[in-house]
Amino acid sequence: MAILIDDPRWPAHGRLWAHLVSDSDLDELHAFAQRHELPARAFDLDHYDVPDSAFDRLVAGGAQHVSGHELVRRLIASGLRITARERRGI
């Protein structure tokens, strides 16, 4: 069981964003996010969007830094991944 974070490289709202996921269950992810004061609105179905300014703090707090490819691979393997089709409600 691990909390994973990728590189903050996704631009939006004038800053870069990373993704924070669990490789095992959403309760673990929500508990980690709550301990690190991430707002609930940052949760997007299977991950939290986190600003670059929070990256070092989250890694210091126990998030494992992985590549974006590794993060997606492990999220899919966990069974927690929400596909684009599921996001659209199809």
PDB file of N, CA and C in Angstrom:
ATOM      1  N   MET A   1       0.852  -1.184   0.000  1.00  0.00           N
ATOM      2  CA  MET A   1       0.000   0.000   0.000  1.00  0.00           C
ATOM      3  C   MET A   1       0.891   1.238   0.000  1.00  0.00           C
ATOM      4  N   ALA A   2       0.644   2.097  -0.970  1.00  0.00           N
ATOM      5  CA  ALA A   2       1.457   3.304  -1.082  1.00  0.00           C
ATOM      6  C   ALA A   2       0.621   4.450  -1.635  1.00  0.00           C
ATOM      7  N   ILE A   3       1.006   5.640  -1.234  1.00  0.00           N
ATOM      8  CA  ILE A   3       0.491   6.861  -1.825  1.00  0.00           C
ATOM      9  C   ILE A   3       1.535   7.310  -2.833  1.00  0.00           C
ATOM     10  N   LEU A   4       1.105   7.585  -4.045  1.00  0.00           N
ATOM     11  CA  LEU A   4       2.014   7.931  -5.137  1.00  0.00           C
ATOM     12  C   LEU A   4       1.729   9.341  -5.636  1.00  0.00           C
ATOM     13  N   ILE A   5       2.792  10.019  -6.058  1.00  0.00           N
ATOM     14  CA  ILE A   5       2.655  11.355  -6.646  1.00  0.00           C
ATOM     15  C   ILE A   5       3.563  11.437  -7.867  1.00  0.00           C
ATOM     16  N   ASP A   6       3.042  12.018  -8.942  1.00  0.00           N
ATOM     17  CA  ASP A   6       3.869  12.205 -10.135  1.00  0.00           C
ATOM     18  C   ASP A   6       4.409  13.630 -10.170  1.00  0.00           C
ATOM     19  N   ASP A   7       5.164  13.936 -11.204  1.00  0.00           N
ATOM     20  CA  ASP A   7       5.758  15.268 -11.332  1.00  0.00           C
ATOM     21  C   ASP A   7       4.689  16.322 -11.580  1.00  0.00           C
ATOM     22  N   PRO A   8       4.831  17.487 -10.952  1.00  0.00           N
ATOM     23  CA  PRO A   8       3.898  18.585 -11.248  1.00  0.00           C
ATOM     24  C   PRO A   8       4.230  19.175 -12.621  1.00  0.00           C
ATOM     25  N   ARG A   9       3.500  18.720 -13.621  1.00  0.00           N
ATOM     26  CA  ARG A   9       3.779  19.159 -14.994  1.00  0.00           C
ATOM     27  C   ARG A   9       2.535  19.488 -15.781  1.00  0.00           C
ATOM     28  N   TRP A  10       1.373  19.450 -15.143  1.00  0.00           N
ATOM     29  CA  TRP A  10       0.110  19.704 -15.827  1.00  0.00           C
ATOM     30  C   TRP A  10      -0.321  21.144 -15.565  1.00  0.00           C
ATOM     31  N   PRO A  11      -0.285  22.014 -16.583  1.00  0.00           N
ATOM     32  CA  PRO A  11      -0.613  23.428 -16.371  1.00  0.00           C
ATOM     33  C   PRO A  11      -2.113  23.679 -16.255  1.00  0.00           C
ATOM     34  N   ALA A  12      -2.463  24.498 -15.287  1.00  0.00           N
ATOM     35  CA  ALA A  12      -3.843  24.969 -15.130  1.00  0.00           C
ATOM     36  C   ALA A  12      -3.847  26.091 -14.108  1.00  0.00           C
ATOM     37  N   HIS A  13      -4.646  27.094 -14.334  1.00  0.00           N
ATOM     38  CA  HIS A  13      -4.834  28.184 -13.382  1.00  0.00           C
ATOM     39  C   HIS A  13      -3.507  28.867 -13.005  1.00  0.00           C
ATOM     40  N   GLY A  14      -2.608  28.989 -13.966  1.00  0.00           N
ATOM     41  CA  GLY A  14      -1.367  29.714 -13.757  1.00  0.00           C
ATOM     42  C   GLY A  14      -0.305  28.986 -12.949  1.00  0.00           C
ATOM     43  N   ARG A  15      -0.452  27.674 -12.796  1.00  0.00           N
ATOM     44  CA  ARG A  15       0.564  26.905 -12.069  1.00  0.00           C
ATOM     45  C   ARG A  15       0.612  25.498 -12.624  1.00  0.00           C
ATOM     46  N   LEU A  16       1.546  24.685 -12.100  1.00  0.00           N
ATOM     47  CA  LEU A  16       1.657  23.294 -12.511  1.00  0.00           C
ATOM     48  C   LEU A  16       1.050  22.396 -11.438  1.00  0.00           C
ATOM     49  N   TRP A  17       0.489  21.266 -11.870  1.00  0.00           N
ATOM     50  CA  TRP A  17      -0.215  20.359 -10.970  1.00  0.00           C
ATOM     51  C   TRP A  17       0.320  18.938 -11.109  1.00  0.00           C
ATOM     52  N   ALA A  18       0.285  18.212 -10.002  1.00  0.00           N
ATOM     53  CA  ALA A  18       0.631  16.796  -9.952  1.00  0.00           C
ATOM     54  C   ALA A  18      -0.615  16.006  -9.579  1.00  0.00           C
ATOM     55  N   HIS A  19      -0.499  14.682  -9.692  1.00  0.00           N
ATOM     56  CA  HIS A  19      -1.586  13.784  -9.312  1.00  0.00           C
ATOM     57  C   HIS A  19      -1.144  12.963  -8.108  1.00  0.00           C
ATOM     58  N   LEU A  20      -2.046  12.792  -7.160  1.00  0.00           N
ATOM     59  CA  LEU A  20      -1.791  12.003  -5.958  1.00  0.00           C
ATOM     60  C   LEU A  20      -2.796  10.857  -5.949  1.00  0.00           C
ATOM     61  N   VAL A  21      -2.309   9.615  -5.868  1.00  0.00           N
ATOM     62  CA  VAL A  21      -3.183   8.439  -5.907  1.00  0.00           C
ATOM     63  C   VAL A  21      -2.763   7.437  -4.839  1.00  0.00           C
ATOM     64  N   SER A  22      -3.638   6.474  -4.605  1.00  0.00           N
ATOM     65  CA  SER A  22      -3.307   5.307  -3.795  1.00  0.00           C
ATOM     66  C   SER A  22      -3.202   4.112  -4.732  1.00  0.00           C
ATOM     67  N   ASP A  23      -2.290   3.199  -4.408  1.00  0.00           N
ATOM     68  CA  ASP A  23      -2.201   1.979  -5.210  1.00  0.00           C
ATOM     69  C   ASP A  23      -3.004   0.834  -4.595  1.00  0.00           C
ATOM     70  N   SER A  24      -3.868   1.188  -3.586  1.00  0.00           N
ATOM     71  CA  SER A  24      -4.646   0.114  -2.971  1.00  0.00           C
ATOM     72  C   SER A  24      -6.095   0.472  -2.657  1.00  0.00           C
ATOM     73  N   ASP A  25      -6.345   1.642  -2.038  1.00  0.00           N
ATOM     74  CA  ASP A  25      -7.743   1.967  -1.749  1.00  0.00           C
ATOM     75  C   ASP A  25      -7.945   3.459  -1.526  1.00  0.00           C
ATOM     76  N   LEU A  26      -9.158   3.892  -1.803  1.00  0.00           N
ATOM     77  CA  LEU A  26      -9.469   5.320  -1.705  1.00  0.00           C
ATOM     78  C   LEU A  26      -9.502   5.813  -0.261  1.00  0.00           C
ATOM     79  N   ASP A  27      -9.858   4.964   0.689  1.00  0.00           N
ATOM     80  CA  ASP A  27      -9.848   5.394   2.096  1.00  0.00           C
ATOM     81  C   ASP A  27      -8.453   5.816   2.517  1.00  0.00           C
ATOM     82  N   GLU A  28      -7.446   5.045   2.090  1.00  0.00           N
ATOM     83  CA  GLU A  28      -6.050   5.383   2.384  1.00  0.00           C
ATOM     84  C   GLU A  28      -5.701   6.741   1.756  1.00  0.00           C
ATOM     85  N   LEU A  29      -6.127   6.955   0.532  1.00  0.00           N
ATOM     86  CA  LEU A  29      -5.847   8.208  -0.167  1.00  0.00           C
ATOM     87  C   LEU A  29      -6.513   9.382   0.532  1.00  0.00           C
ATOM     88  N   HIS A  30      -7.781   9.229   0.881  1.00  0.00           N
ATOM     89  CA  HIS A  30      -8.490  10.326   1.560  1.00  0.00           C
ATOM     90  C   HIS A  30      -7.885  10.625   2.929  1.00  0.00           C
ATOM     91  N   ALA A  31      -7.481   9.597   3.662  1.00  0.00           N
ATOM     92  CA  ALA A  31      -6.858   9.807   4.976  1.00  0.00           C
ATOM     93  C   ALA A  31      -5.547  10.573   4.826  1.00  0.00           C
ATOM     94  N   PHE A  32      -4.733  10.209   3.832  1.00  0.00           N
ATOM     95  CA  PHE A  32      -3.477  10.910   3.582  1.00  0.00           C
ATOM     96  C   PHE A  32      -3.763  12.364   3.223  1.00  0.00           C
ATOM     97  N   ALA A  33      -4.710  12.569   2.329  1.00  0.00           N
ATOM     98  CA  ALA A  33      -5.056  13.931   1.897  1.00  0.00           C
ATOM     99  C   ALA A  33      -5.532  14.770   3.075  1.00  0.00           C
ATOM    100  N   GLN A  34      -6.346  14.182   3.930  1.00  0.00           N
ATOM    101  CA  GLN A  34      -6.849  14.918   5.093  1.00  0.00           C
ATOM    102  C   GLN A  34      -5.711  15.273   6.053  1.00  0.00           C
ATOM    103  N   ARG A  35      -4.806  14.318   6.291  1.00  0.00           N
ATOM    104  CA  ARG A  35      -3.656  14.589   7.180  1.00  0.00           C
ATOM    105  C   ARG A  35      -2.794  15.726   6.650  1.00  0.00           C
ATOM    106  N   HIS A  36      -2.762  15.866   5.340  1.00  0.00           N
ATOM    107  CA  HIS A  36      -1.912  16.888   4.716  1.00  0.00           C
ATOM    108  C   HIS A  36      -2.704  18.094   4.231  1.00  0.00           C
ATOM    109  N   GLU A  37      -3.938  18.210   4.737  1.00  0.00           N
ATOM    110  CA  GLU A  37      -4.783  19.382   4.537  1.00  0.00           C
ATOM    111  C   GLU A  37      -5.052  19.717   3.072  1.00  0.00           C
ATOM    112  N   LEU A  38      -5.251  18.668   2.264  1.00  0.00           N
ATOM    113  CA  LEU A  38      -5.682  18.897   0.889  1.00  0.00           C
ATOM    114  C   LEU A  38      -7.194  19.089   0.894  1.00  0.00           C
ATOM    115  N   PRO A  39      -7.688  20.066   0.185  1.00  0.00           N
ATOM    116  CA  PRO A  39      -9.141  20.295   0.188  1.00  0.00           C
ATOM    117  C   PRO A  39      -9.883  19.174  -0.543  1.00  0.00           C
ATOM    118  N   ALA A  40     -11.071  18.867  -0.085  1.00  0.00           N
ATOM    119  CA  ALA A  40     -11.889  17.822  -0.709  1.00  0.00           C
ATOM    120  C   ALA A  40     -12.156  18.134  -2.178  1.00  0.00           C
ATOM    121  N   ARG A  41     -12.230  19.409  -2.531  1.00  0.00           N
ATOM    122  CA  ARG A  41     -12.512  19.779  -3.923  1.00  0.00           C
ATOM    123  C   ARG A  41     -11.363  19.390  -4.869  1.00  0.00           C
ATOM    124  N   ALA A  42     -10.200  19.047  -4.318  1.00  0.00           N
ATOM    125  CA  ALA A  42      -9.069  18.629  -5.146  1.00  0.00           C
ATOM    126  C   ALA A  42      -9.202  17.182  -5.618  1.00  0.00           C
ATOM    127  N   PHE A  43     -10.169  16.438  -5.071  1.00  0.00           N
ATOM    128  CA  PHE A  43     -10.355  15.033  -5.447  1.00  0.00           C
ATOM    129  C   PHE A  43     -11.120  14.952  -6.763  1.00  0.00           C
ATOM    130  N   ASP A  44     -10.595  14.150  -7.690  1.00  0.00           N
ATOM    131  CA  ASP A  44     -11.213  13.995  -9.011  1.00  0.00           C
ATOM    132  C   ASP A  44     -11.420  12.505  -9.320  1.00  0.00           C
ATOM    133  N   LEU A  45     -12.362  11.887  -8.639  1.00  0.00           N
ATOM    134  CA  LEU A  45     -12.826  10.519  -8.844  1.00  0.00           C
ATOM    135  C   LEU A  45     -11.835   9.413  -8.483  1.00  0.00           C
ATOM    136  N   ASP A  46     -10.572   9.532  -8.882  1.00  0.00           N
ATOM    137  CA  ASP A  46      -9.590   8.506  -8.532  1.00  0.00           C
ATOM    138  C   ASP A  46      -8.238   9.091  -8.114  1.00  0.00           C
ATOM    139  N   HIS A  47      -8.156  10.403  -8.058  1.00  0.00           N
ATOM    140  CA  HIS A  47      -6.897  11.067  -7.684  1.00  0.00           C
ATOM    141  C   HIS A  47      -7.181  12.461  -7.127  1.00  0.00           C
ATOM    142  N   TYR A  48      -6.159  13.005  -6.482  1.00  0.00           N
ATOM    143  CA  TYR A  48      -6.195  14.404  -6.071  1.00  0.00           C
ATOM    144  C   TYR A  48      -5.283  15.177  -7.012  1.00  0.00           C
ATOM    145  N   ASP A  49      -5.739  16.350  -7.435  1.00  0.00           N
ATOM    146  CA  ASP A  49      -4.881  17.286  -8.156  1.00  0.00           C
ATOM    147  C   ASP A  49      -4.213  18.151  -7.100  1.00  0.00           C
ATOM    148  N   VAL A  50      -2.878  18.192  -7.132  1.00  0.00           N
ATOM    149  CA  VAL A  50      -2.156  18.964  -6.115  1.00  0.00           C
ATOM    150  C   VAL A  50      -1.212  19.956  -6.789  1.00  0.00           C
ATOM    151  N   PRO A  51      -1.154  21.175  -6.283  1.00  0.00           N
ATOM    152  CA  PRO A  51      -0.300  22.193  -6.901  1.00  0.00           C
ATOM    153  C   PRO A  51       1.178  21.909  -6.639  1.00  0.00           C
ATOM    154  N   ASP A  52       1.999  22.422  -7.528  1.00  0.00           N
ATOM    155  CA  ASP A  52       3.446  22.237  -7.386  1.00  0.00           C
ATOM    156  C   ASP A  52       3.958  22.706  -6.030  1.00  0.00           C
ATOM    157  N   SER A  53       3.329  23.698  -5.448  1.00  0.00           N
ATOM    158  CA  SER A  53       3.774  24.215  -4.148  1.00  0.00           C
ATOM    159  C   SER A  53       3.601  23.199  -3.016  1.00  0.00           C
ATOM    160  N   ALA A  54       2.776  22.176  -3.201  1.00  0.00           N
ATOM    161  CA  ALA A  54       2.555  21.147  -2.173  1.00  0.00           C
ATOM    162  C   ALA A  54       3.420  19.906  -2.398  1.00  0.00           C
ATOM    163  N   PHE A  55       4.085  19.809  -3.523  1.00  0.00           N
ATOM    164  CA  PHE A  55       4.809  18.592  -3.906  1.00  0.00           C
ATOM    165  C   PHE A  55       5.833  18.167  -2.842  1.00  0.00           C
ATOM    166  N   ASP A  56       6.759  19.038  -2.488  1.00  0.00           N
ATOM    167  CA  ASP A  56       7.814  18.676  -1.529  1.00  0.00           C
ATOM    168  C   ASP A  56       7.230  18.274  -0.181  1.00  0.00           C
ATOM    169  N   ARG A  57       6.205  18.969   0.268  1.00  0.00           N
ATOM    170  CA  ARG A  57       5.564  18.673   1.549  1.00  0.00           C
ATOM    171  C   ARG A  57       4.928  17.287   1.535  1.00  0.00           C
ATOM    172  N   LEU A  58       4.293  16.913   0.429  1.00  0.00           N
ATOM    173  CA  LEU A  58       3.641  15.613   0.332  1.00  0.00           C
ATOM    174  C   LEU A  58       4.658  14.477   0.256  1.00  0.00           C
ATOM    175  N   VAL A  59       5.748  14.694  -0.465  1.00  0.00           N
ATOM    176  CA  VAL A  59       6.815  13.690  -0.518  1.00  0.00           C
ATOM    177  C   VAL A  59       7.445  13.536   0.863  1.00  0.00           C
ATOM    178  N   ALA A  60       7.717  14.644   1.532  1.00  0.00           N
ATOM    179  CA  ALA A  60       8.273  14.573   2.891  1.00  0.00           C
ATOM    180  C   ALA A  60       7.303  13.873   3.845  1.00  0.00           C
ATOM    181  N   GLY A  61       6.005  13.978   3.554  1.00  0.00           N
ATOM    182  CA  GLY A  61       4.989  13.360   4.392  1.00  0.00           C
ATOM    183  C   GLY A  61       4.732  11.895   4.081  1.00  0.00           C
ATOM    184  N   GLY A  62       5.430  11.361   3.075  1.00  0.00           N
ATOM    185  CA  GLY A  62       5.313   9.940   2.809  1.00  0.00           C
ATOM    186  C   GLY A  62       4.860   9.530   1.427  1.00  0.00           C
ATOM    187  N   ALA A  63       4.475  10.480   0.582  1.00  0.00           N
ATOM    188  CA  ALA A  63       4.085  10.122  -0.784  1.00  0.00           C
ATOM    189  C   ALA A  63       5.326   9.677  -1.555  1.00  0.00           C
ATOM    190  N   GLN A  64       5.176   8.621  -2.325  1.00  0.00           N
ATOM    191  CA  GLN A  64       6.274   8.092  -3.123  1.00  0.00           C
ATOM    192  C   GLN A  64       6.264   8.756  -4.493  1.00  0.00           C
ATOM    193  N   HIS A  65       7.368   9.417  -4.847  1.00  0.00           N
ATOM    194  CA  HIS A  65       7.480  10.100  -6.135  1.00  0.00           C
ATOM    195  C   HIS A  65       7.736   9.055  -7.224  1.00  0.00           C
ATOM    196  N   VAL A  66       6.875   9.035  -8.223  1.00  0.00           N
ATOM    197  CA  VAL A  66       7.016   8.121  -9.364  1.00  0.00           C
ATOM    198  C   VAL A  66       6.755   8.895 -10.649  1.00  0.00           C
ATOM    199  N   SER A  67       7.121   8.309 -11.757  1.00  0.00           N
ATOM    200  CA  SER A  67       6.829   8.934 -13.049  1.00  0.00           C
ATOM    201  C   SER A  67       5.322   8.887 -13.302  1.00  0.00           C
ATOM    202  N   GLY A  68       4.871   9.715 -14.213  1.00  0.00           N
ATOM    203  CA  GLY A  68       3.466   9.698 -14.586  1.00  0.00           C
ATOM    204  C   GLY A  68       3.046   8.338 -15.136  1.00  0.00           C
ATOM    205  N   HIS A  69       3.928   7.732 -15.921  1.00  0.00           N
ATOM    206  CA  HIS A  69       3.644   6.407 -16.478  1.00  0.00           C
ATOM    207  C   HIS A  69       3.473   5.376 -15.367  1.00  0.00           C
ATOM    208  N   GLU A  70       4.373   5.383 -14.398  1.00  0.00           N
ATOM    209  CA  GLU A  70       4.296   4.442 -13.280  1.00  0.00           C
ATOM    210  C   GLU A  70       3.047   4.680 -12.440  1.00  0.00           C
ATOM    211  N   LEU A  71       2.703   5.937 -12.218  1.00  0.00           N
ATOM    212  CA  LEU A  71       1.513   6.264 -11.442  1.00  0.00           C
ATOM    213  C   LEU A  71       0.266   5.680 -12.105  1.00  0.00           C
ATOM    214  N   VAL A  72       0.124   5.875 -13.401  1.00  0.00           N
ATOM    215  CA  VAL A  72      -1.042   5.359 -14.120  1.00  0.00           C
ATOM    216  C   VAL A  72      -1.028   3.832 -14.128  1.00  0.00           C
ATOM    217  N   ARG A  73       0.123   3.231 -14.362  1.00  0.00           N
ATOM    218  CA  ARG A  73       0.231   1.776 -14.371  1.00  0.00           C
ATOM    219  C   ARG A  73      -0.236   1.186 -13.042  1.00  0.00           C
ATOM    220  N   ARG A  74       0.227   1.772 -11.946  1.00  0.00           N
ATOM    221  CA  ARG A  74      -0.140   1.244 -10.631  1.00  0.00           C
ATOM    222  C   ARG A  74      -1.586   1.564 -10.264  1.00  0.00           C
ATOM    223  N   LEU A  75      -2.108   2.694 -10.728  1.00  0.00           N
ATOM    224  CA  LEU A  75      -3.507   3.022 -10.489  1.00  0.00           C
ATOM    225  C   LEU A  75      -4.410   2.030 -11.227  1.00  0.00           C
ATOM    226  N   ILE A  76      -4.085   1.715 -12.458  1.00  0.00           N
ATOM    227  CA  ILE A  76      -4.848   0.719 -13.216  1.00  0.00           C
ATOM    228  C   ILE A  76      -4.777  -0.636 -12.522  1.00  0.00           C
ATOM    229  N   ALA A  77      -3.574  -1.048 -12.113  1.00  0.00           N
ATOM    230  CA  ALA A  77      -3.399  -2.349 -11.446  1.00  0.00           C
ATOM    231  C   ALA A  77      -4.201  -2.429 -10.147  1.00  0.00           C
ATOM    232  N   SER A  78      -4.419  -1.300  -9.503  1.00  0.00           N
ATOM    233  CA  SER A  78      -5.162  -1.282  -8.238  1.00  0.00           C
ATOM    234  C   SER A  78      -6.656  -1.504  -8.442  1.00  0.00           C
ATOM    235  N   GLY A  79      -7.137  -1.291  -9.661  1.00  0.00           N
ATOM    236  CA  GLY A  79      -8.563  -1.379  -9.938  1.00  0.00           C
ATOM    237  C   GLY A  79      -9.316  -0.099  -9.613  1.00  0.00           C
ATOM    238  N   LEU A  80      -8.607   0.947  -9.221  1.00  0.00           N
ATOM    239  CA  LEU A  80      -9.243   2.208  -8.829  1.00  0.00           C
ATOM    240  C   LEU A  80      -9.359   3.207  -9.973  1.00  0.00           C
ATOM    241  N   ARG A  81      -8.711   2.946 -11.084  1.00  0.00           N
ATOM    242  CA  ARG A  81      -8.691   3.889 -12.202  1.00  0.00           C
ATOM    243  C   ARG A  81     -10.095   4.108 -12.755  1.00  0.00           C
ATOM    244  N   ILE A  82     -10.448   5.369 -12.932  1.00  0.00           N
ATOM    245  CA  ILE A  82     -11.698   5.753 -13.588  1.00  0.00           C
ATOM    246  C   ILE A  82     -11.323   6.125 -15.028  1.00  0.00           C
ATOM    247  N   THR A  83     -11.869   5.426 -15.990  1.00  0.00           N
ATOM    248  CA  THR A  83     -11.528   5.659 -17.385  1.00  0.00           C
ATOM    249  C   THR A  83     -12.198   6.936 -17.906  1.00  0.00           C
ATOM    250  N   ALA A  84     -11.729   7.396 -19.041  1.00  0.00           N
ATOM    251  CA  ALA A  84     -12.333   8.567 -19.678  1.00  0.00           C
ATOM    252  C   ALA A  84     -13.809   8.307 -19.976  1.00  0.00           C
ATOM    253  N   ARG A  85     -14.114   7.120 -20.418  1.00  0.00           N
ATOM    254  CA  ARG A  85     -15.513   6.761 -20.707  1.00  0.00           C
ATOM    255  C   ARG A  85     -16.359   6.852 -19.436  1.00  0.00           C
ATOM    256  N   GLU A  86     -15.844   6.334 -18.331  1.00  0.00           N
ATOM    257  CA  GLU A  86     -16.569   6.399 -17.062  1.00  0.00           C
ATOM    258  C   GLU A  86     -16.745   7.847 -16.599  1.00  0.00           C
ATOM    259  N   ARG A  87     -15.731   8.665 -16.844  1.00  0.00           N
ATOM    260  CA  ARG A  87     -15.811  10.087 -16.482  1.00  0.00           C
ATOM    261  C   ARG A  87     -16.931  10.785 -17.250  1.00  0.00           C
ATOM    262  N   ARG A  88     -17.126  10.384 -18.485  1.00  0.00           N
ATOM    263  CA  ARG A  88     -18.175  10.995 -19.313  1.00  0.00           C
ATOM    264  C   ARG A  88     -19.547  10.420 -19.000  1.00  0.00           C
ATOM    265  N   GLY A  89     -19.600   9.360 -18.195  1.00  0.00           N
ATOM    266  CA  GLY A  89     -20.874   8.776 -17.818  1.00  0.00           C
ATOM    267  C   GLY A  89     -21.497   7.891 -18.871  1.00  0.00           C
ATOM    268  N   ILE A  90     -20.660   7.401 -19.802  1.00  0.00           N
ATOM    269  CA  ILE A  90     -21.174   6.532 -20.875  1.00  0.00           C
ATOM    270  C   ILE A  90     -21.212   5.094 -20.384  1.00  0.00           C
TER     271      ILE A  90
END
